[in-house]
Protein backbone atom coordinates (compact mmCIF):
# COMPACT_ATOMS: atom_id res chain seq x y z
CA MET A 1 11.54 16.66 -15.83
CA SER A 2 11.50 12.98 -14.95
CA GLU A 3 14.18 10.34 -15.46
CA LEU A 4 15.73 7.20 -13.97
CA ARG A 5 19.27 7.35 -12.58
CA TRP A 6 21.11 4.16 -11.61
CA HIS A 7 22.47 3.86 -8.05
CA PRO A 8 25.70 1.88 -8.58
CA PHE A 9 26.22 0.98 -4.91
CA LEU A 10 22.70 -0.29 -4.23
CA GLY A 11 22.07 -1.64 -7.71
CA GLU A 12 18.69 0.07 -8.11
CA TRP A 13 16.98 2.89 -9.98
CA VAL A 14 16.33 6.33 -8.46
CA ILE A 15 13.51 8.39 -9.97
CA THR A 16 14.12 12.11 -10.33
CA ALA A 17 10.90 14.10 -10.86
CA THR A 18 11.52 17.80 -10.30
CA HIS A 19 8.05 18.88 -11.47
CA ARG A 20 6.57 17.27 -8.35
CA GLN A 21 7.88 20.18 -6.29
CA ASP A 22 4.90 22.16 -7.60
CA ARG A 23 2.20 19.69 -6.54
CA THR A 24 -0.68 20.82 -4.30
CA PHE A 25 0.33 21.14 -0.65
CA LEU A 26 -2.31 21.34 2.10
CA PRO A 27 -4.88 23.43 0.17
CA PRO A 28 -7.32 25.76 2.04
CA LYS A 29 -10.12 24.02 3.90
CA ASP A 30 -12.78 25.43 1.58
CA TYR A 31 -11.20 23.86 -1.51
CA CYS A 32 -10.20 20.25 -2.24
CA PRO A 33 -9.06 19.21 -5.73
CA PHE A 34 -10.38 15.68 -5.10
CA CYS A 35 -13.93 16.62 -4.09
CA PRO A 36 -16.66 16.66 -6.79
CA THR A 37 -16.88 19.97 -8.61
CA LYS A 38 -19.63 22.09 -7.07
CA PRO A 39 -22.15 23.68 -9.46
CA GLY A 40 -20.71 27.07 -10.36
CA GLY A 41 -17.65 26.37 -8.22
CA PHE A 42 -13.94 26.29 -9.06
CA PRO A 43 -13.17 23.14 -11.13
CA THR A 44 -11.61 20.18 -9.33
CA GLU A 45 -9.95 17.01 -10.66
CA VAL A 46 -13.43 15.45 -10.89
CA PRO A 47 -15.79 17.52 -13.11
CA ARG A 48 -18.95 15.96 -11.70
CA ASP A 49 -21.15 16.81 -8.74
CA ARG A 50 -21.04 13.23 -7.44
CA TYR A 51 -19.12 9.98 -7.89
CA ASN A 52 -18.53 6.60 -6.27
CA ILE A 53 -14.87 5.67 -6.85
CA VAL A 54 -12.69 7.51 -9.36
CA VAL A 55 -9.34 6.61 -10.93
CA PHE A 56 -7.34 9.10 -13.00
CA GLU A 57 -3.74 9.76 -13.95
CA ASN A 58 -1.71 11.73 -11.44
CA LYS A 59 -1.29 15.39 -12.38
CA PHE A 60 2.26 15.31 -11.00
CA PRO A 61 3.49 11.82 -11.98
CA SER A 62 6.87 10.39 -11.04
CA LEU A 63 6.57 8.11 -14.08
CA GLN A 64 5.00 9.07 -17.41
CA LYS A 65 3.53 7.16 -20.34
CA GLU A 66 5.55 9.27 -22.77
CA PRO A 67 8.42 10.68 -20.73
CA PRO A 68 10.92 13.17 -22.13
CA GLU A 69 14.46 12.20 -22.91
CA PRO A 70 16.79 12.45 -19.88
CA ALA A 71 18.01 15.98 -19.20
CA VAL A 72 21.53 14.79 -18.33
CA LEU A 73 24.10 12.51 -19.89
CA PRO A 74 24.87 9.24 -18.10
CA MET A 75 27.99 8.81 -16.00
CA SER A 76 30.34 5.95 -16.83
CA TRP A 77 29.12 4.12 -13.69
CA SER A 78 25.50 5.30 -13.74
CA PRO A 79 23.18 4.84 -16.74
CA VAL A 80 20.23 7.18 -17.24
CA GLU A 81 16.89 6.06 -18.67
CA ARG A 82 13.55 7.62 -19.55
CA ALA A 83 11.12 7.38 -16.60
CA GLN A 84 8.40 5.52 -18.46
CA GLY A 85 5.46 4.23 -16.45
CA ILE A 86 2.02 5.23 -15.20
CA CYS A 87 0.96 6.94 -11.97
CA GLU A 88 -2.70 6.94 -11.00
CA VAL A 89 -4.77 8.39 -8.16
CA VAL A 90 -7.67 6.39 -6.70
CA LEU A 91 -10.38 8.43 -4.92
CA TYR A 92 -12.18 6.22 -2.41
CA SER A 93 -15.22 8.42 -1.84
CA PRO A 94 -16.71 11.82 -2.73
CA ASP A 95 -16.97 12.53 1.04
CA HIS A 96 -13.95 14.63 2.01
CA ASN A 97 -14.22 13.61 5.68
CA GLN A 98 -14.49 9.89 4.98
CA THR A 99 -11.68 7.40 5.65
CA LEU A 100 -11.18 3.81 4.58
CA THR A 101 -11.91 2.87 8.20
CA LYS A 102 -15.37 4.46 8.15
CA MET A 103 -16.43 3.26 4.71
CA PRO A 104 -19.22 0.64 4.55
CA LEU A 105 -18.17 -2.88 3.64
CA SER A 106 -19.84 -2.62 0.22
CA GLN A 107 -17.69 0.41 -0.66
CA ILE A 108 -14.50 -1.34 0.50
CA GLU A 109 -15.45 -4.36 -1.64
CA ASN A 110 -15.89 -2.02 -4.62
CA LEU A 111 -12.48 -0.50 -3.94
CA ILE A 112 -10.84 -3.94 -3.84
CA GLU A 113 -12.46 -4.70 -7.19
CA VAL A 114 -11.05 -1.42 -8.56
CA TRP A 115 -7.56 -2.42 -7.31
CA GLN A 116 -8.04 -5.76 -9.02
CA ASP A 117 -9.08 -4.11 -12.27
CA ARG A 118 -6.17 -1.65 -12.30
CA TYR A 119 -3.63 -4.38 -11.56
CA GLN A 120 -4.88 -6.41 -14.50
CA GLU A 121 -5.30 -3.47 -16.92
CA LEU A 122 -1.96 -1.81 -16.21
CA GLY A 123 -0.19 -5.15 -16.12
CA THR A 124 -1.11 -5.86 -19.76
CA LYS A 125 1.09 -3.00 -21.01
CA ASP A 126 4.41 -4.28 -22.29
CA PHE A 127 6.45 -1.53 -20.59
CA ILE A 128 4.97 -2.20 -17.13
CA LYS A 129 6.81 -4.77 -15.01
CA TYR A 130 5.25 -4.09 -11.62
CA VAL A 131 1.95 -2.58 -10.40
CA PHE A 132 2.35 -1.08 -6.94
CA ILE A 133 -0.85 -0.10 -5.09
CA PHE A 134 -0.54 1.93 -1.89
CA GLU A 135 -2.09 4.50 0.44
CA ASN A 136 -0.40 7.18 2.52
CA LYS A 137 -2.68 8.32 5.35
CA GLY A 138 -2.02 11.22 7.70
CA GLU A 139 0.33 14.19 7.86
CA ALA A 140 2.73 12.11 9.98
CA VAL A 141 3.66 10.17 6.83
CA GLY A 142 3.78 13.25 4.60
CA VAL A 143 0.23 13.42 3.24
CA THR A 144 -0.60 16.81 1.73
CA LEU A 145 -4.20 16.12 0.61
CA HIS A 146 -6.54 14.69 3.24
CA HIS A 147 -9.32 13.55 0.92
CA PRO A 148 -9.51 9.71 1.16
CA HIS A 149 -7.40 8.38 -1.67
CA GLY A 150 -4.66 5.98 -2.63
CA GLN A 151 -2.19 5.75 -5.48
CA ILE A 152 -0.90 3.29 -8.06
CA TYR A 153 2.60 3.34 -9.52
CA ALA A 154 3.05 1.13 -12.57
CA PHE A 155 6.81 0.64 -12.81
CA PRO A 156 9.00 -0.20 -15.82
CA TYR A 157 11.08 -2.35 -13.44
CA ILE A 158 10.58 -4.45 -10.30
CA PRO A 159 11.17 -2.23 -7.23
CA PRO A 160 14.09 -3.26 -4.96
CA ILE A 161 12.11 -4.36 -1.88
CA ILE A 162 9.83 -6.51 -4.03
CA LYS A 163 12.86 -7.96 -5.77
CA LYS A 164 14.33 -8.98 -2.38
CA GLU A 165 11.06 -10.67 -1.41
CA LEU A 166 10.89 -12.49 -4.74
CA THR A 167 14.44 -13.75 -4.35
CA ALA A 168 13.83 -14.98 -0.80
CA SER A 169 10.58 -16.67 -1.84
CA GLN A 170 12.21 -18.37 -4.82
CA GLU A 171 15.17 -19.62 -2.79
CA PHE A 172 12.90 -21.05 -0.09
CA TYR A 173 10.71 -22.70 -2.71
CA HIS A 174 13.68 -24.32 -4.43
CA GLN A 175 14.93 -25.70 -1.12
CA HIS A 176 11.60 -26.85 0.35
CA GLN A 177 9.16 -27.07 -2.62
CA THR A 178 6.69 -24.92 -0.70
CA CYS A 179 5.81 -21.26 -0.20
CA LEU A 180 7.75 -19.27 2.41
CA PHE A 181 4.78 -17.05 3.27
CA CYS A 182 2.44 -20.05 3.57
CA ASN A 183 4.85 -21.54 6.12
CA ILE A 184 4.95 -18.27 8.06
CA LEU A 185 1.14 -18.12 8.07
CA LYS A 186 0.88 -21.71 9.26
CA GLU A 187 3.08 -21.00 12.28
CA GLU A 188 1.42 -17.66 13.06
CA LEU A 189 -2.05 -19.24 12.97
CA LYS A 190 -0.89 -22.14 15.14
CA GLU A 191 0.84 -19.99 17.76
CA GLY A 192 -1.73 -17.18 17.72
CA LYS A 193 0.30 -14.73 19.83
CA ARG A 194 0.73 -12.18 17.05
CA LEU A 195 -2.70 -12.48 15.40
CA VAL A 196 -4.80 -9.31 15.35
CA VAL A 197 -7.81 -10.13 13.14
CA GLU A 198 -8.76 -13.46 11.60
CA GLY A 199 -11.45 -13.88 8.97
CA GLU A 200 -12.60 -16.88 7.03
CA ARG A 201 -10.15 -16.30 4.17
CA PHE A 202 -7.79 -13.55 5.36
CA VAL A 203 -5.75 -12.89 8.48
CA ALA A 204 -3.94 -9.83 9.87
CA PHE A 205 -0.98 -10.22 12.22
CA ILE A 206 2.11 -8.46 13.48
CA PRO A 207 5.01 -10.43 11.98
CA PHE A 208 7.58 -12.07 14.26
CA PHE A 209 10.21 -9.85 12.60
CA ALA A 210 8.21 -6.57 12.75
CA ARG A 211 10.28 -3.41 12.25
CA TYR A 212 7.59 -0.97 13.44
CA PRO A 213 5.69 -1.25 16.77
CA TYR A 214 2.28 -1.67 15.11
CA GLU A 215 3.35 -3.08 11.73
CA ILE A 216 0.79 -5.44 10.22
CA TYR A 217 0.85 -8.09 7.51
CA LEU A 218 -2.57 -8.91 6.04
CA ALA A 219 -2.73 -11.91 3.73
CA PRO A 220 -5.00 -14.58 2.25
CA LYS A 221 -4.82 -17.92 4.04
CA LYS A 222 -4.78 -19.77 0.74
CA HIS A 223 -1.91 -19.25 -1.67
CA LEU A 224 -2.68 -16.36 -4.04
CA SER A 225 0.00 -14.53 -6.01
CA SER A 226 -1.94 -11.45 -7.09
CA LEU A 227 -5.24 -9.60 -6.99
CA ALA A 228 -6.07 -11.15 -10.36
CA GLU A 229 -6.87 -14.42 -8.55
CA PHE A 230 -9.46 -12.90 -6.19
CA THR A 231 -13.03 -14.19 -6.22
CA LYS A 232 -16.09 -12.28 -5.02
CA GLU A 233 -15.87 -14.20 -1.74
CA ASP A 234 -12.21 -13.18 -1.36
CA ARG A 235 -13.09 -9.51 -1.84
CA LYS A 236 -15.89 -9.75 0.72
CA ASP A 237 -13.74 -11.35 3.44
CA LEU A 238 -10.81 -9.02 2.77
CA ALA A 239 -13.14 -6.04 3.20
CA ILE A 240 -14.27 -7.39 6.58
CA VAL A 241 -10.75 -8.05 7.87
CA LEU A 242 -9.44 -4.74 6.51
CA LYS A 243 -12.25 -2.77 8.16
CA ALA A 244 -11.73 -4.62 11.45
CA LEU A 245 -7.99 -3.92 11.43
CA LEU A 246 -8.34 -0.23 10.59
CA GLY A 247 -11.03 0.12 13.26
CA LYS A 248 -8.59 -1.23 15.84
CA TYR A 249 -5.93 1.18 14.61
CA ASP A 250 -8.27 4.16 15.08
CA GLN A 251 -9.36 3.03 18.54
CA LEU A 252 -5.81 2.37 19.72
CA PHE A 253 -5.10 6.01 20.66
CA ASN A 254 -8.57 7.40 19.88
CA PHE A 255 -7.61 9.32 16.74
CA SER A 256 -7.54 8.62 13.02
CA PHE A 257 -4.42 6.47 12.82
CA PRO A 258 -1.79 7.41 10.21
CA TYR A 259 -0.19 4.63 8.20
CA ILE A 260 1.39 3.59 4.94
CA MET A 261 -0.45 0.67 3.36
CA VAL A 262 1.15 -1.22 0.47
CA ILE A 263 0.12 -4.25 -1.57
CA HIS A 264 2.90 -6.67 -2.49
CA GLN A 265 1.99 -9.06 -5.30
CA ALA A 266 3.45 -10.81 -8.32
CA PRO A 267 5.11 -8.71 -11.04
CA THR A 268 3.50 -8.25 -14.45
CA ASP A 269 6.63 -8.94 -16.51
CA GLY A 270 5.24 -12.03 -18.21
CA LYS A 271 6.99 -14.53 -15.93
CA ASP A 272 5.35 -16.98 -13.53
CA TYR A 273 5.69 -16.50 -9.77
CA PRO A 274 4.07 -19.58 -8.19
CA ASP A 275 6.23 -19.21 -5.08
CA TYR A 276 5.15 -15.62 -4.25
CA HIS A 277 2.31 -14.89 -1.81
CA LEU A 278 0.25 -11.69 -2.10
CA HIS A 279 0.04 -9.65 1.09
CA PHE A 280 -0.63 -6.16 2.44
CA GLU A 281 1.88 -4.42 4.69
CA PHE A 282 1.04 -1.55 7.06
CA TYR A 283 3.70 0.78 8.47
CA PRO A 284 2.19 3.08 11.13
CA PRO A 285 4.56 5.84 12.29
CA HIS A 286 3.22 6.01 15.87
CA ARG A 287 4.95 4.03 18.64
CA THR A 288 2.83 5.72 21.34
CA ALA A 289 -0.03 8.21 21.17
CA LYS A 290 2.42 11.13 21.18
CA LYS A 291 5.65 9.61 19.89
CA LEU A 292 6.61 8.74 16.32
CA LYS A 293 9.14 6.24 15.09
CA TYR A 294 11.61 8.14 12.95
CA LEU A 295 14.06 6.45 10.63
CA ALA A 296 17.26 7.71 12.19
CA GLY A 297 20.91 6.83 11.54
CA CYS A 298 20.73 3.07 12.04
CA GLU A 299 17.62 2.61 9.91
CA ALA A 300 18.14 5.25 7.21
CA GLY A 301 21.92 5.03 6.98
CA ALA A 302 22.57 1.34 7.58
CA GLY A 303 19.22 -0.18 6.65
CA SER A 304 19.03 -2.01 9.98
CA PHE A 305 15.76 -1.47 11.84
CA VAL A 306 15.44 -1.27 15.62
CA ASN A 307 12.02 -2.07 17.09
CA ASP A 308 11.57 -0.70 20.62
CA THR A 309 8.61 -3.00 21.32
CA LEU A 310 7.70 -6.69 21.34
CA PRO A 311 5.42 -7.85 18.50
CA GLU A 312 3.60 -10.23 20.86
CA GLU A 313 2.70 -7.40 23.28
CA LYS A 314 1.60 -4.99 20.54
CA ALA A 315 -0.51 -7.71 18.87
CA ALA A 316 -2.24 -8.46 22.17
CA GLU A 317 -2.90 -4.74 22.60
CA LEU A 318 -4.56 -4.48 19.18
CA ARG A 319 -6.37 -7.80 19.52
CA ALA A 320 -8.05 -6.69 22.74
CA ILE A 321 -9.57 -3.57 21.18
CA THR A 322 -13.29 -3.82 20.45
CA PRO A 323 -14.92 -4.61 18.16
CA HIS A 324 -12.86 -7.75 18.49
CA ASN A 325 -14.83 -10.13 16.32
CA ILE A 326 -16.09 -10.39 12.77
CA GLU A 327 -19.77 -10.36 13.82
CA ALA A 328 -19.38 -6.87 15.30
CA ILE A 329 -17.73 -5.59 12.12
CA LEU A 330 -20.55 -7.03 10.01
CA LYS A 331 -23.05 -5.08 12.12
CA LEU A 332 -21.00 -1.89 11.70
CA GLY A 333 -20.67 -2.47 7.96
């Protein structure tokens, strides 16, 4: 069962998807549903003995192409809608022990091209208003399958956080006739205190207003609204900066660093968004090697984040980790 229920106080949709309770949870080490099917072995989600990158529809989707009618009647203050949309899984590599950090630059470039393709393909469907690409990495953020993979949710509406960003970007543009994110980038590049990795076309930094100790924004220096605008050169430089950033994350505490990675870009609802700037956001749960940042009362109940660290100090910490320059990453790639 899957449906959309309206939250009257927050003014946003809540997805109910009870069938997801049955999804695979930490399978035995000798079986992974995302590995290639072994000859004579138990079938996996990929019925081939090898692959490069694979995209397929999620077996336990929150949103469905042809969803059932809602199982409940609406309340007078809360409409109910069919949960129409598309949920996809993106397998980064056939190697179960691989991570995005360890992948060669050529494979990361291929993955970026796959993201680009899925954004454009899914965005052409008239019932899709927003294509949300993300990765959950590590048990600390709730991952139940460790094979390197990400996900794509193609929404029938614009999600609330994106909607807030769009509104802020539009208001700033109307007042100043320029992009809010471009202005932030200009100041961050000039000051330099919160920069972590800088490439020719992309830059990663801890934002001045970071909510998590090691939160990162990764964005193109030039104004791009979506993946659809990427060139081959953009994909190449993004792969370099992304690999450099994730390498620093892993070396920070000398273990494979958990994180949530999301891509924020223009909606696919047929409207123009010249004021919106594409960017990646990373939310790592660790605040020290052995301590996690939990969303407690103030964050979860009031929506007001408390950061126990200074962005400038955490950026300097990440910036100092080797390999600290693009040349070293190119050699590793």
